[in-house]
Amino acid sequence: MKAAQFERMQLLFRKEKLVACGTDGAAVMTGSKTGVVSRLRGERTYILGVHCMAHRLELAFKDMQSPDDEGVNAAQQSKARGFYKLVTDGDALKFSSFLHDTLNHLSNLPGPMLRKVLDSNTYMGVNLRHNDTSHMMANKDKLLDKLSDSMDNRFGDVGSGILSDTKIVSFQQWPDPENSADFGDSEVDRLTSHFKPILISSGVDVDLIADQWTIIKSCLYKEPQTLEKITWAEVNRMLRETCPDFLDLVDLVLCMPASTADCERGFNVMKMVKSDWRSSLKCETLSDLLFVHLSSPSIKDFDPSTAVEMWHASSIRSRRPDLMQDAAAAGVEEEECICSFFVDSD
């Protein structure tokens, strides 16, 4: 890597500000000795490695159905030939609707999607092969039990430790005013103790955080009905001068990544931009193209006037955007002149 590129990365990535990093859970990322998180952590023991919640959920669904279970291999074989047969299978549609309802509710089954197709032989105008639904409905509870066990296994560490203490920043987790006397006190103490080095280096008075947490609770519980709608941005504007140290702790917690979905989208876009036919793209060009693809608005919302003005102004020679239109108009005039010449000659 060139020295200039390395310096640029150092400017963009400030390790002293790092508090957590999200990963896909691979061993190369989470290894205790040579993993990326361990190397980034170094002597900063407070840096957390967060396994992407979306990956956890995907793995939980994969764990729910073992490769040895009945029906799995059939969906993996002859994909092209058997796809149409699969999507027109009534049981397959009912099972997909069941999974949809499970993801949205995990209770109150059958849900709206499953109810639509449970007693129907058609879906969006397509006739489905009639099958007995008793087998699928009989295994429904078994599938839910396996899914519950898989999710407990994959999300077990989220319910304890520092990640569990971060629930205080979710207003949905706040109890009723009658049960709020000691709410969050121990969690705030543990968060303050864990991130104490970086808080002190940022100028935060950690000794005042507990008292400011009590002040914020008393202020927000004066109107408990607003907890469902209020955001930390609004709280920051209202109480920044009164509770600056605790709000700095909240900012630290809110910057922890819960998912690596944005990174995955970036990798997918990079694969599309830097294809086999464009493998010699420079790093600067690739970075600019990725920025355009990931950060630009959609074509419907894009206003090209600023880019066109920059295109006109950046040229050494004058631009001629109407060149082809002028040439076409000149060609039409020339044809008209030739036609009039022959008419006059006749």
Foldseek 3Di string as FASTA:
>chain_A
DDPVVVVVVCVVDPLLLAQEDEDQPDCCQPPCPNHVQNVSCPVVVRYYYAHAPVSLLVVLLCQLDDPPDPPPVVCVPPPVVCVVVQVQALLNQLVVQCVVCCVVPVDPPPDPSNVVRVPDQDDPRRGHDDDDCPVVVVCSVVSSVSSVVSSCVSCVPCCDDLNVLLCVQQLVPQDQPVPRPCPSLVSLVRLCVSCVVSLVVVVADSVCQSVLVVVLVVVCNVCVVCSVPDHLVVVCVVCCVPRVRNSVSNVSSVPHDNHCVLVVVLVVVLCVVCDPVNVPDDPVVSVVVSCCVSPPDDPVPDDCPVVVVCVQVVDPDGDDPCVVVVVVVVVVVVVVVVVVVVVVVD
